[in-house]
Amino acid sequence: MKKLILSALLLSAAIGSAQEANYIFYNQFQNVVNPAAIGAEGNHTIGAHLRYQWAKSASSDSPQQQTLNTTHRLSNHVAIGASVVREKVFVQHQTALFADFAYALPLTETDNLYLGIKAGGNLFNIDSSRFKTYNDQYDPYLQGVSGRFQPNVGVGAYYQQPRFYVGLSAPNLLASDKTKVENEVVTSVAERISFYAQAGYFYPLTADFTLSPRAQAYINQKGDYQLNASAAVLYSDYVEAALGYRSDSAVNICALFKVPKYHLSIGYGFETNVDNNVGASVRNFHEFMLKVYW
């Protein structure tokens, strides 16, 4: 029983570290946490995103995250979307697959309120042969987790006007903070219900340059929280550069280049943790993103 409890605690810690949305480009992938945000997108988009921690070896256990999402405006009121997010932390691989639906409620000629819902779930895979317990034995208690799908649903609201937007969402309402065990085998993984808030403002500096402060906040039912805040400068419809800070002592910079002729956006971001207690070999992250729109 002690070994089972230890295994569950270690697994919950690994899962918990992957739940927070730590994107540098969080503003480009808002529908991952807020389904209503797809209503504010253009007609159609397909986006891909990669985040990884710098490692000397490609076989390293360093954290990685890949995201693929798509949004489609079907009418002035209805939009649909989907996202696939794959995260790797240590021996745990988690894939979140969700479909989104949003409905627009026009408030004025320029202001809209979008209401959204997402449905899907998480697929977990654990390399239990590498998850050893305190007596250095392979842990059989985790074999029931691999390949298991946990369904989930989420809701969100998103208000947008030409110079301002704000969103609120709860993307995993069916999450349970208890790890389920049947016949001394872990059968479901503990997660905590999460709540997100997003906001941003566009302040024209000149005819070509715009300043855009923006933020995304996260809190779960346990009280763990995180704040991402950044300030971006936009040049016309071509270039965007931003400097950001995250409340776990991480700072980041990013650049986004738009090619309207080919309906393409390409971005790169770099993040480092300024906490001296974090080792130099694990403090840096890189992000790449690509988005096609039409």
C-alpha atoms as a PDB file:
ATOM      1  CA  MET A   1       0.000   0.000   0.000  1.00  0.00           C
ATOM      2  CA  LYS A   2       2.852   2.407   0.802  1.00  0.00           C
ATOM      3  CA  LYS A   3       4.285   1.785  -2.660  1.00  0.00           C
ATOM      4  CA  LEU A   4       0.872   2.453  -4.231  1.00  0.00           C
ATOM      5  CA  ILE A   5       0.493   5.755  -2.367  1.00  0.00           C
ATOM      6  CA  LEU A   6       3.989   6.837  -3.371  1.00  0.00           C
ATOM      7  CA  SER A   7       3.305   5.976  -7.013  1.00  0.00           C
ATOM      8  CA  ALA A   8       0.062   7.965  -6.995  1.00  0.00           C
ATOM      9  CA  LEU A   9       1.753  10.987  -5.440  1.00  0.00           C
ATOM     10  CA  LEU A  10       4.599  10.957  -7.962  1.00  0.00           C
ATOM     11  CA  LEU A  11       2.149  10.561 -10.842  1.00  0.00           C
ATOM     12  CA  SER A  12      -0.057  13.395  -9.596  1.00  0.00           C
ATOM     13  CA  ALA A  13       2.982  15.662  -9.369  1.00  0.00           C
ATOM     14  CA  ALA A  14       3.971  14.862 -12.955  1.00  0.00           C
ATOM     15  CA  ILE A  15       0.432  15.434 -14.243  1.00  0.00           C
ATOM     16  CA  GLY A  16       0.028  18.649 -12.272  1.00  0.00           C
ATOM     17  CA  SER A  17       3.154  20.153 -13.766  1.00  0.00           C
ATOM     18  CA  ALA A  18       1.688  19.701 -17.250  1.00  0.00           C
ATOM     19  CA  GLN A  19      -1.737  21.243 -16.568  1.00  0.00           C
ATOM     20  CA  GLU A  20      -0.783  24.917 -16.714  1.00  0.00           C
ATOM     21  CA  ALA A  21      -0.775  26.642 -20.099  1.00  0.00           C
ATOM     22  CA  ASN A  22       2.759  28.049 -20.207  1.00  0.00           C
ATOM     23  CA  TYR A  23       2.758  29.324 -23.778  1.00  0.00           C
ATOM     24  CA  ILE A  24       4.812  32.368 -24.671  1.00  0.00           C
ATOM     25  CA  PHE A  25       2.378  32.661 -27.600  1.00  0.00           C
ATOM     26  CA  TYR A  26      -0.688  32.250 -25.368  1.00  0.00           C
ATOM     27  CA  ASN A  27      -2.411  35.067 -27.233  1.00  0.00           C
ATOM     28  CA  GLN A  28      -2.235  33.077 -30.484  1.00  0.00           C
ATOM     29  CA  PHE A  29      -3.748  29.899 -29.001  1.00  0.00           C
ATOM     30  CA  GLN A  30      -6.439  31.212 -26.682  1.00  0.00           C
ATOM     31  CA  ASN A  31      -8.964  28.543 -27.606  1.00  0.00           C
ATOM     32  CA  VAL A  32      -6.811  25.872 -25.941  1.00  0.00           C
ATOM     33  CA  VAL A  33      -8.132  27.183 -22.605  1.00  0.00           C
ATOM     34  CA  ASN A  34     -11.156  29.236 -23.738  1.00  0.00           C
ATOM     35  CA  PRO A  35     -13.516  27.758 -26.359  1.00  0.00           C
ATOM     36  CA  ALA A  36     -15.321  31.077 -26.817  1.00  0.00           C
ATOM     37  CA  ALA A  37     -12.154  32.647 -28.248  1.00  0.00           C
ATOM     38  CA  ILE A  38     -12.655  30.856 -31.569  1.00  0.00           C
ATOM     39  CA  GLY A  39     -15.494  33.264 -32.287  1.00  0.00           C
ATOM     40  CA  ALA A  40     -13.037  36.160 -32.329  1.00  0.00           C
ATOM     41  CA  GLU A  41     -10.750  34.507 -34.891  1.00  0.00           C
ATOM     42  CA  GLY A  42     -10.865  35.201 -38.608  1.00  0.00           C
ATOM     43  CA  ASN A  43     -12.690  33.020 -41.082  1.00  0.00           C
ATOM     44  CA  HIS A  44     -10.408  29.956 -40.927  1.00  0.00           C
ATOM     45  CA  THR A  45      -7.090  29.208 -39.196  1.00  0.00           C
ATOM     46  CA  ILE A  46      -4.738  26.269 -38.715  1.00  0.00           C
ATOM     47  CA  GLY A  47      -1.960  26.680 -36.167  1.00  0.00           C
ATOM     48  CA  ALA A  48       0.977  24.586 -34.954  1.00  0.00           C
ATOM     49  CA  HIS A  49       3.113  25.225 -31.897  1.00  0.00           C
ATOM     50  CA  LEU A  50       6.192  23.616 -30.350  1.00  0.00           C
ATOM     51  CA  ARG A  51       7.635  24.325 -26.903  1.00  0.00           C
ATOM     52  CA  TYR A  52      10.646  22.489 -25.573  1.00  0.00           C
ATOM     53  CA  GLN A  53      13.311  22.778 -22.938  1.00  0.00           C
ATOM     54  CA  TRP A  54      16.864  22.990 -24.186  1.00  0.00           C
ATOM     55  CA  ALA A  55      18.603  19.618 -23.795  1.00  0.00           C
ATOM     56  CA  LYS A  56      21.909  18.248 -25.001  1.00  0.00           C
ATOM     57  CA  SER A  57      20.369  14.917 -25.921  1.00  0.00           C
ATOM     58  CA  ALA A  58      17.305  14.339 -28.082  1.00  0.00           C
ATOM     59  CA  SER A  59      16.449  11.359 -25.864  1.00  0.00           C
ATOM     60  CA  SER A  60      16.361  13.567 -22.773  1.00  0.00           C
ATOM     61  CA  ASP A  61      13.383  13.563 -20.406  1.00  0.00           C
ATOM     62  CA  SER A  62      13.129  17.341 -20.667  1.00  0.00           C
ATOM     63  CA  PRO A  63       9.562  18.733 -20.945  1.00  0.00           C
ATOM     64  CA  GLN A  64       8.090  19.154 -24.411  1.00  0.00           C
ATOM     65  CA  GLN A  65       4.752  20.384 -25.697  1.00  0.00           C
ATOM     66  CA  GLN A  66       3.227  20.273 -29.177  1.00  0.00           C
ATOM     67  CA  THR A  67      -0.050  21.925 -30.131  1.00  0.00           C
ATOM     68  CA  LEU A  68      -2.163  21.720 -33.266  1.00  0.00           C
ATOM     69  CA  ASN A  69      -5.386  23.697 -33.500  1.00  0.00           C
ATOM     70  CA  THR A  70      -7.864  24.907 -36.064  1.00  0.00           C
ATOM     71  CA  THR A  71     -10.756  27.377 -36.016  1.00  0.00           C
ATOM     72  CA  HIS A  72     -13.506  27.979 -38.566  1.00  0.00           C
ATOM     73  CA  ARG A  73     -16.123  30.723 -38.755  1.00  0.00           C
ATOM     74  CA  LEU A  74     -19.255  29.141 -40.209  1.00  0.00           C
ATOM     75  CA  SER A  75     -21.435  32.262 -40.053  1.00  0.00           C
ATOM     76  CA  ASN A  76     -21.629  35.630 -38.328  1.00  0.00           C
ATOM     77  CA  HIS A  77     -22.794  33.832 -35.191  1.00  0.00           C
ATOM     78  CA  VAL A  78     -21.315  30.324 -35.227  1.00  0.00           C
ATOM     79  CA  ALA A  79     -17.704  29.140 -35.063  1.00  0.00           C
ATOM     80  CA  ILE A  80     -16.169  25.721 -34.482  1.00  0.00           C
ATOM     81  CA  GLY A  81     -12.660  24.585 -33.687  1.00  0.00           C
ATOM     82  CA  ALA A  82     -10.495  21.757 -32.437  1.00  0.00           C
ATOM     83  CA  SER A  83      -7.195  21.386 -30.633  1.00  0.00           C
ATOM     84  CA  VAL A  84      -4.700  18.635 -29.893  1.00  0.00           C
ATOM     85  CA  VAL A  85      -2.097  19.294 -27.200  1.00  0.00           C
ATOM     86  CA  ARG A  86       0.584  16.713 -26.471  1.00  0.00           C
ATOM     87  CA  GLU A  87       2.791  17.142 -23.404  1.00  0.00           C
ATOM     88  CA  LYS A  88       5.730  15.078 -22.210  1.00  0.00           C
ATOM     89  CA  VAL A  89       7.030  15.388 -18.656  1.00  0.00           C
ATOM     90  CA  PHE A  90       9.492  12.758 -17.419  1.00  0.00           C
ATOM     91  CA  VAL A  91       7.846   9.355 -18.064  1.00  0.00           C
ATOM     92  CA  GLN A  92       4.345  10.772 -18.552  1.00  0.00           C
ATOM     93  CA  HIS A  93       2.810  11.562 -21.954  1.00  0.00           C
ATOM     94  CA  GLN A  94      -0.537  13.348 -21.999  1.00  0.00           C
ATOM     95  CA  THR A  95      -2.585  14.165 -25.090  1.00  0.00           C
ATOM     96  CA  ALA A  96      -5.595  16.468 -24.810  1.00  0.00           C
ATOM     97  CA  LEU A  97      -8.119  16.291 -27.663  1.00  0.00           C
ATOM     98  CA  PHE A  98     -10.983  18.784 -27.678  1.00  0.00           C
ATOM     99  CA  ALA A  99     -13.628  20.155 -30.037  1.00  0.00           C
ATOM    100  CA  ASP A 100     -14.900  23.720 -29.532  1.00  0.00           C
ATOM    101  CA  PHE A 101     -18.134  25.518 -30.353  1.00  0.00           C
ATOM    102  CA  ALA A 102     -18.783  29.254 -29.980  1.00  0.00           C
ATOM    103  CA  TYR A 103     -21.841  31.424 -30.528  1.00  0.00           C
ATOM    104  CA  ALA A 104     -21.698  35.200 -31.003  1.00  0.00           C
ATOM    105  CA  LEU A 105     -24.106  37.616 -29.327  1.00  0.00           C
ATOM    106  CA  PRO A 106     -23.716  41.046 -30.994  1.00  0.00           C
ATOM    107  CA  LEU A 107     -23.973  43.844 -28.418  1.00  0.00           C
ATOM    108  CA  THR A 108     -23.334  46.781 -30.760  1.00  0.00           C
ATOM    109  CA  GLU A 109     -22.084  47.164 -34.322  1.00  0.00           C
ATOM    110  CA  THR A 110     -18.497  46.649 -33.107  1.00  0.00           C
ATOM    111  CA  ASP A 111     -18.838  44.800 -29.782  1.00  0.00           C
ATOM    112  CA  ASN A 112     -19.490  41.073 -29.481  1.00  0.00           C
ATOM    113  CA  LEU A 113     -19.903  38.599 -26.649  1.00  0.00           C
ATOM    114  CA  TYR A 114     -18.947  35.023 -27.514  1.00  0.00           C
ATOM    115  CA  LEU A 115     -20.086  32.021 -25.490  1.00  0.00           C
ATOM    116  CA  GLY A 116     -18.292  28.725 -25.968  1.00  0.00           C
ATOM    117  CA  ILE A 117     -18.181  25.101 -24.934  1.00  0.00           C
ATOM    118  CA  LYS A 118     -15.500  22.462 -25.416  1.00  0.00           C
ATOM    119  CA  ALA A 119     -15.757  18.685 -25.179  1.00  0.00           C
ATOM    120  CA  GLY A 120     -13.157  15.970 -25.386  1.00  0.00           C
ATOM    121  CA  GLY A 121     -10.704  14.513 -22.948  1.00  0.00           C
ATOM    122  CA  ASN A 122      -7.183  13.488 -22.054  1.00  0.00           C
ATOM    123  CA  LEU A 123      -5.306  10.381 -23.099  1.00  0.00           C
ATOM    124  CA  PHE A 124      -2.589   9.316 -20.657  1.00  0.00           C
ATOM    125  CA  ASN A 125       0.412   7.120 -21.277  1.00  0.00           C
ATOM    126  CA  ILE A 126       2.957   6.231 -18.601  1.00  0.00           C
ATOM    127  CA  ASP A 127       6.231   4.419 -19.203  1.00  0.00           C
ATOM    128  CA  SER A 128       5.747   2.418 -16.008  1.00  0.00           C
ATOM    129  CA  SER A 129       8.860   0.335 -16.676  1.00  0.00           C
ATOM    130  CA  ARG A 130      10.897   3.470 -15.920  1.00  0.00           C
ATOM    131  CA  PHE A 131       8.803   4.546 -12.934  1.00  0.00           C
ATOM    132  CA  LYS A 132      10.650   2.859 -10.087  1.00  0.00           C
ATOM    133  CA  THR A 133       9.567   2.987  -6.464  1.00  0.00           C
ATOM    134  CA  TYR A 134      11.661   3.448  -3.363  1.00  0.00           C
ATOM    135  CA  ASN A 135      12.934  -0.158  -3.411  1.00  0.00           C
ATOM    136  CA  ASP A 136      14.116   0.243  -7.031  1.00  0.00           C
ATOM    137  CA  GLN A 137      11.461  -2.096  -8.416  1.00  0.00           C
ATOM    138  CA  TYR A 138       9.349  -1.484 -11.505  1.00  0.00           C
ATOM    139  CA  ASP A 139       5.951  -0.188 -10.478  1.00  0.00           C
ATOM    140  CA  PRO A 140       3.034  -2.409 -11.620  1.00  0.00           C
ATOM    141  CA  TYR A 141       0.423  -0.110 -10.064  1.00  0.00           C
ATOM    142  CA  LEU A 142       0.657   2.393 -12.913  1.00  0.00           C
ATOM    143  CA  GLN A 143      -0.001  -0.032 -15.753  1.00  0.00           C
ATOM    144  CA  GLY A 144      -3.737   0.703 -15.646  1.00  0.00           C
ATOM    145  CA  VAL A 145      -3.190   4.370 -16.547  1.00  0.00           C
ATOM    146  CA  SER A 146      -1.507   3.915 -19.924  1.00  0.00           C
ATOM    147  CA  GLY A 147      -3.945   4.198 -22.798  1.00  0.00           C
ATOM    148  CA  ARG A 148      -6.763   5.397 -20.560  1.00  0.00           C
ATOM    149  CA  PHE A 149      -8.999   8.221 -21.819  1.00  0.00           C
ATOM    150  CA  GLN A 150     -10.556  10.638 -19.320  1.00  0.00           C
ATOM    151  CA  PRO A 151     -13.450  12.675 -20.805  1.00  0.00           C
ATOM    152  CA  ASN A 152     -13.892  16.323 -19.941  1.00  0.00           C
ATOM    153  CA  VAL A 153     -15.904  19.423 -20.840  1.00  0.00           C
ATOM    154  CA  GLY A 154     -15.286  23.144 -20.488  1.00  0.00           C
ATOM    155  CA  VAL A 155     -17.028  26.487 -20.934  1.00  0.00           C
ATOM    156  CA  GLY A 156     -15.934  30.030 -21.667  1.00  0.00           C
ATOM    157  CA  ALA A 157     -17.021  33.582 -22.415  1.00  0.00           C
ATOM    158  CA  TYR A 158     -15.157  36.154 -24.490  1.00  0.00           C
ATOM    159  CA  TYR A 159     -15.976  39.836 -24.963  1.00  0.00           C
ATOM    160  CA  GLN A 160     -14.343  41.706 -27.838  1.00  0.00           C
ATOM    161  CA  GLN A 161     -14.363  45.244 -29.193  1.00  0.00           C
ATOM    162  CA  PRO A 162     -11.902  46.852 -31.630  1.00  0.00           C
ATOM    163  CA  ARG A 163      -9.459  47.997 -28.912  1.00  0.00           C
ATOM    164  CA  PHE A 164     -10.128  45.623 -26.033  1.00  0.00           C
ATOM    165  CA  TYR A 165     -10.910  42.008 -25.195  1.00  0.00           C
ATOM    166  CA  VAL A 166     -11.468  39.991 -22.014  1.00  0.00           C
ATOM    167  CA  GLY A 167     -12.226  36.312 -21.500  1.00  0.00           C
ATOM    168  CA  LEU A 168     -13.135  33.915 -18.691  1.00  0.00           C
ATOM    169  CA  SER A 169     -13.133  30.126 -18.893  1.00  0.00           C
ATOM    170  CA  ALA A 170     -13.086  26.800 -17.075  1.00  0.00           C
ATOM    171  CA  PRO A 171     -11.731  24.239 -19.570  1.00  0.00           C
ATOM    172  CA  ASN A 172     -11.892  21.055 -17.438  1.00  0.00           C
ATOM    173  CA  LEU A 173     -15.069  20.972 -15.363  1.00  0.00           C
ATOM    174  CA  LEU A 174     -15.095  17.169 -14.968  1.00  0.00           C
ATOM    175  CA  ALA A 175     -11.629  17.035 -13.418  1.00  0.00           C
ATOM    176  CA  SER A 176     -11.281  15.265 -10.076  1.00  0.00           C
ATOM    177  CA  ASP A 177      -8.530  15.971  -7.572  1.00  0.00           C
ATOM    178  CA  LYS A 178      -8.478  12.328  -6.484  1.00  0.00           C
ATOM    179  CA  THR A 179      -6.522   9.525  -8.118  1.00  0.00           C
ATOM    180  CA  LYS A 180      -8.791   6.481  -8.489  1.00  0.00           C
ATOM    181  CA  VAL A 181      -7.475   3.032  -7.609  1.00  0.00           C
ATOM    182  CA  GLU A 182      -9.133  -0.300  -8.373  1.00  0.00           C
ATOM    183  CA  ASN A 183      -7.639  -3.599  -7.198  1.00  0.00           C
ATOM    184  CA  GLU A 184      -4.430  -1.776  -6.258  1.00  0.00           C
ATOM    185  CA  VAL A 185      -4.036  -0.406  -9.804  1.00  0.00           C
ATOM    186  CA  VAL A 186      -4.256   3.302 -10.644  1.00  0.00           C
ATOM    187  CA  THR A 187      -7.173   3.686 -13.085  1.00  0.00           C
ATOM    188  CA  SER A 188      -7.557   7.469 -13.352  1.00  0.00           C
ATOM    189  CA  VAL A 189      -5.281  10.423 -12.826  1.00  0.00           C
ATOM    190  CA  ALA A 190      -5.924  13.320 -10.469  1.00  0.00           C
ATOM    191  CA  GLU A 191      -6.460  16.733 -12.044  1.00  0.00           C
ATOM    192  CA  ARG A 192      -7.726  19.987 -10.600  1.00  0.00           C
ATOM    193  CA  ILE A 193     -10.464  22.163 -12.084  1.00  0.00           C
ATOM    194  CA  SER A 194      -8.771  25.193 -13.617  1.00  0.00           C
ATOM    195  CA  PHE A 195     -10.017  28.709 -14.268  1.00  0.00           C
ATOM    196  CA  TYR A 196      -8.512  31.171 -16.759  1.00  0.00           C
ATOM    197  CA  ALA A 197      -8.875  34.873 -17.456  1.00  0.00           C
ATOM    198  CA  GLN A 198      -7.487  36.730 -20.476  1.00  0.00           C
ATOM    199  CA  ALA A 199      -7.403  40.411 -21.303  1.00  0.00           C
ATOM    200  CA  GLY A 200      -5.711  42.706 -23.788  1.00  0.00           C
ATOM    201  CA  TYR A 201      -5.785  46.270 -25.066  1.00  0.00           C
ATOM    202  CA  PHE A 202      -4.674  47.928 -28.306  1.00  0.00           C
ATOM    203  CA  TYR A 203      -3.330  51.476 -28.026  1.00  0.00           C
ATOM    204  CA  PRO A 204      -2.372  53.170 -31.326  1.00  0.00           C
ATOM    205  CA  LEU A 205       0.947  55.013 -31.065  1.00  0.00           C
ATOM    206  CA  THR A 206       1.139  56.163 -34.677  1.00  0.00           C
ATOM    207  CA  ALA A 207      -0.554  55.255 -37.923  1.00  0.00           C
ATOM    208  CA  ASP A 208       1.695  52.169 -38.170  1.00  0.00           C
ATOM    209  CA  PHE A 209       2.639  51.258 -34.587  1.00  0.00           C
ATOM    210  CA  THR A 210       0.341  49.887 -31.876  1.00  0.00           C
ATOM    211  CA  LEU A 211       1.112  49.064 -28.249  1.00  0.00           C
ATOM    212  CA  SER A 212      -0.726  46.013 -26.908  1.00  0.00           C
ATOM    213  CA  PRO A 213      -0.459  45.068 -23.204  1.00  0.00           C
ATOM    214  CA  ARG A 214      -2.003  41.666 -22.528  1.00  0.00           C
ATOM    215  CA  ALA A 215      -2.287  39.086 -19.761  1.00  0.00           C
ATOM    216  CA  GLN A 216      -3.526  35.606 -18.980  1.00  0.00           C
ATOM    217  CA  ALA A 217      -4.151  34.394 -15.415  1.00  0.00           C
ATOM    218  CA  TYR A 218      -4.676  30.854 -14.162  1.00  0.00           C
ATOM    219  CA  ILE A 219      -5.899  29.472 -10.843  1.00  0.00           C
ATOM    220  CA  ASN A 220      -7.044  25.988  -9.843  1.00  0.00           C
ATOM    221  CA  GLN A 221      -9.353  24.751  -7.116  1.00  0.00           C
ATOM    222  CA  LYS A 222      -6.410  24.168  -4.780  1.00  0.00           C
ATOM    223  CA  GLY A 223      -5.386  27.814  -5.043  1.00  0.00           C
ATOM    224  CA  ASP A 224      -2.300  27.364  -7.225  1.00  0.00           C
ATOM    225  CA  TYR A 225      -2.062  30.311  -9.586  1.00  0.00           C
ATOM    226  CA  GLN A 226       0.008  31.731 -12.394  1.00  0.00           C
ATOM    227  CA  LEU A 227       0.058  35.055 -14.228  1.00  0.00           C
ATOM    228  CA  ASN A 228       1.419  35.677 -17.714  1.00  0.00           C
ATOM    229  CA  ALA A 229       1.783  39.342 -18.639  1.00  0.00           C
ATOM    230  CA  SER A 230       3.385  40.857 -21.717  1.00  0.00           C
ATOM    231  CA  ALA A 231       3.659  44.044 -23.714  1.00  0.00           C
ATOM    232  CA  ALA A 232       3.739  43.819 -27.493  1.00  0.00           C
ATOM    233  CA  VAL A 233       4.489  46.368 -30.172  1.00  0.00           C
ATOM    234  CA  LEU A 234       2.747  45.780 -33.494  1.00  0.00           C
ATOM    235  CA  TYR A 235       3.953  47.253 -36.754  1.00  0.00           C
ATOM    236  CA  SER A 236       1.084  47.431 -39.234  1.00  0.00           C
ATOM    237  CA  ASP A 237       0.066  43.890 -40.226  1.00  0.00           C
ATOM    238  CA  TYR A 238       3.604  42.600 -40.601  1.00  0.00           C
ATOM    239  CA  VAL A 239       5.625  42.378 -37.375  1.00  0.00           C
ATOM    240  CA  GLU A 240       4.888  41.887 -33.675  1.00  0.00           C
ATOM    241  CA  ALA A 241       7.521  41.881 -30.905  1.00  0.00           C
ATOM    242  CA  ALA A 242       6.777  41.276 -27.222  1.00  0.00           C
ATOM    243  CA  LEU A 243       8.447  41.121 -23.825  1.00  0.00           C
ATOM    244  CA  GLY A 244       6.751  39.052 -21.129  1.00  0.00           C
ATOM    245  CA  TYR A 245       6.928  37.885 -17.524  1.00  0.00           C
ATOM    246  CA  ARG A 246       5.396  34.879 -15.790  1.00  0.00           C
ATOM    247  CA  SER A 247       4.816  34.771 -12.045  1.00  0.00           C
ATOM    248  CA  ASP A 248       7.038  31.716 -11.539  1.00  0.00           C
ATOM    249  CA  SER A 249      10.073  33.946 -12.216  1.00  0.00           C
ATOM    250  CA  ALA A 250      10.214  33.394 -15.977  1.00  0.00           C
ATOM    251  CA  VAL A 251      10.876  36.152 -18.512  1.00  0.00           C
ATOM    252  CA  ASN A 252      10.462  35.791 -22.256  1.00  0.00           C
ATOM    253  CA  ILE A 253      10.772  37.565 -25.568  1.00  0.00           C
ATOM    254  CA  CYS A 254       9.119  36.701 -28.852  1.00  0.00           C
ATOM    255  CA  ALA A 255       8.708  37.907 -32.399  1.00  0.00           C
ATOM    256  CA  LEU A 256       5.895  37.197 -34.833  1.00  0.00           C
ATOM    257  CA  PHE A 257       6.197  37.830 -38.559  1.00  0.00           C
ATOM    258  CA  LYS A 258       3.124  37.986 -40.763  1.00  0.00           C
ATOM    259  CA  VAL A 259       3.145  37.419 -44.509  1.00  0.00           C
ATOM    260  CA  PRO A 260      -0.302  38.597 -45.708  1.00  0.00           C
ATOM    261  CA  LYS A 261       0.425  37.628 -49.293  1.00  0.00           C
ATOM    262  CA  TYR A 262       0.641  33.972 -48.258  1.00  0.00           C
ATOM    263  CA  HIS A 263      -1.808  34.210 -45.316  1.00  0.00           C
ATOM    264  CA  LEU A 264       0.958  33.042 -42.995  1.00  0.00           C
ATOM    265  CA  SER A 265       2.290  33.903 -39.508  1.00  0.00           C
ATOM    266  CA  ILE A 266       5.638  32.615 -38.183  1.00  0.00           C
ATOM    267  CA  GLY A 267       6.857  33.141 -34.624  1.00  0.00           C
ATOM    268  CA  TYR A 268       9.787  32.363 -32.332  1.00  0.00           C
ATOM    269  CA  GLY A 269      10.011  32.841 -28.578  1.00  0.00           C
ATOM    270  CA  PHE A 270      12.691  32.344 -25.934  1.00  0.00           C
ATOM    271  CA  GLU A 271      12.082  32.008 -22.212  1.00  0.00           C
ATOM    272  CA  THR A 272      14.424  31.768 -19.242  1.00  0.00           C
ATOM    273  CA  ASN A 273      13.867  31.388 -15.514  1.00  0.00           C
ATOM    274  CA  VAL A 274      15.605  34.072 -13.453  1.00  0.00           C
ATOM    275  CA  ASP A 275      15.319  32.149 -10.175  1.00  0.00           C
ATOM    276  CA  ASN A 276      18.869  31.328  -9.050  1.00  0.00           C
ATOM    277  CA  ASN A 277      17.609  28.088  -7.511  1.00  0.00           C
ATOM    278  CA  VAL A 278      16.801  26.746 -10.984  1.00  0.00           C
ATOM    279  CA  GLY A 279      19.725  24.993 -12.631  1.00  0.00           C
ATOM    280  CA  ALA A 280      21.215  26.592 -15.736  1.00  0.00           C
ATOM    281  CA  SER A 281      20.683  23.397 -17.747  1.00  0.00           C
ATOM    282  CA  VAL A 282      16.889  23.406 -17.232  1.00  0.00           C
ATOM    283  CA  ARG A 283      15.920  27.075 -17.155  1.00  0.00           C
ATOM    284  CA  ASN A 284      15.642  27.837 -20.881  1.00  0.00           C
ATOM    285  CA  PHE A 285      12.708  27.112 -23.203  1.00  0.00           C
ATOM    286  CA  HIS A 286      12.225  27.713 -26.921  1.00  0.00           C
ATOM    287  CA  GLU A 287       8.948  28.094 -28.780  1.00  0.00           C
ATOM    288  CA  PHE A 288       8.089  28.017 -32.457  1.00  0.00           C
ATOM    289  CA  MET A 289       4.685  28.674 -33.984  1.00  0.00           C
ATOM    290  CA  LEU A 290       3.176  28.643 -37.448  1.00  0.00           C
ATOM    291  CA  LYS A 291      -0.330  29.746 -38.361  1.00  0.00           C
ATOM    292  CA  VAL A 292      -2.130  29.743 -41.700  1.00  0.00           C
ATOM    293  CA  TYR A 293      -5.287  31.809 -42.131  1.00  0.00           C
ATOM    294  CA  TRP A 294      -7.721  32.393 -44.985  1.00  0.00           C
END
